Amino acid sequence: MNADGAQGLARIKKRGGVTVVQAPSEAEHPVMPAAAIAASPIDHVLTLAEIPPLLARLCPGLTK
C-alpha cells in the first residue's frame, strides 16, 4: 500500500520530474502520502483543492 507509490514518486523525482503529494492531514489514508514524503524530496505537498491549479500552471498547453 505504501512502497510502490513512494518508489514511483522517487523515480519521477530522480529523473527530473515535478512531484506533487496530497497533504497527509487531509488524506483518507494519510500513511500513503506520508510514505511518499519520506521516500524522496517532494516539490509540492498540497490539499486536493490546491492540486488542480498547480497542474494547470505546470501544463498550460494542456488546459483550454
Protein backbone atom coordinates (compact mmCIF):
# COMPACT_ATOMS: atom_id res chain seq x y z
CA MET A 1 0.00 0.00 0.00
CA ASN A 2 2.84 2.42 0.71
CA ALA A 3 6.02 1.34 -1.02
CA ASP A 4 5.02 1.10 -4.68
CA GLY A 5 3.66 4.64 -4.95
CA ALA A 6 6.51 6.08 -2.91
CA GLN A 7 9.07 4.28 -5.08
CA GLY A 8 7.40 5.52 -8.25
CA LEU A 9 7.38 9.09 -6.99
CA ALA A 10 11.06 8.83 -6.02
CA ARG A 11 11.85 7.63 -9.54
CA ILE A 12 9.97 10.55 -11.09
CA LYS A 13 11.95 12.97 -8.91
CA LYS A 14 15.24 11.24 -9.76
CA ARG A 15 14.52 11.71 -13.47
CA GLY A 16 13.85 15.42 -13.04
CA GLY A 17 10.08 15.36 -12.75
CA VAL A 18 7.94 17.54 -10.52
CA THR A 19 6.47 15.72 -7.56
CA VAL A 20 3.10 16.53 -6.03
CA VAL A 21 1.64 14.82 -2.97
CA GLN A 22 -1.65 15.33 -1.18
CA ALA A 23 -1.26 16.74 2.32
CA PRO A 24 -1.38 13.80 4.73
CA SER A 25 -3.51 15.83 7.15
CA GLU A 26 -6.45 15.68 4.73
CA ALA A 27 -5.87 12.31 3.08
CA GLU A 28 -8.29 9.44 3.64
CA HIS A 29 -5.24 7.20 4.15
CA PRO A 30 -2.50 9.55 5.47
CA VAL A 31 0.09 6.78 5.58
CA MET A 32 0.25 6.78 1.77
CA PRO A 33 1.27 10.41 1.19
CA ALA A 34 3.43 10.26 4.32
CA ALA A 35 5.34 7.32 2.81
CA ALA A 36 5.88 9.29 -0.39
CA ILE A 37 7.13 12.31 1.54
CA ALA A 38 9.55 10.11 3.49
CA ALA A 39 10.86 8.39 0.33
CA SER A 40 12.21 11.42 -1.52
CA PRO A 41 12.17 15.21 -1.69
CA ILE A 42 8.72 16.43 -2.72
CA ASP A 43 8.22 19.64 -4.68
CA HIS A 44 4.65 20.29 -3.55
CA VAL A 45 2.58 19.00 -0.63
CA LEU A 46 -0.89 20.40 -1.23
CA THR A 47 -4.55 20.00 -0.40
CA LEU A 48 -6.79 18.44 -3.03
CA ALA A 49 -8.19 21.90 -3.81
CA GLU A 50 -4.69 23.25 -4.47
CA ILE A 51 -3.53 20.48 -6.82
CA PRO A 52 -5.60 21.29 -9.97
CA PRO A 53 -4.48 24.95 -10.17
CA LEU A 54 -0.86 23.85 -9.78
CA LEU A 55 -1.24 21.29 -12.57
CA ALA A 56 -2.81 23.95 -14.79
CA ARG A 57 0.18 26.24 -14.18
CA LEU A 58 2.68 23.44 -14.81
CA CYS A 59 0.98 22.31 -18.02
CA PRO A 60 -0.51 25.47 -19.59
CA GLY A 61 -0.69 23.98 -23.08
CA LEU A 62 -2.98 21.20 -21.89
CA THR A 63 -5.72 23.40 -20.49
CA LYS A 64 -8.40 25.08 -22.55
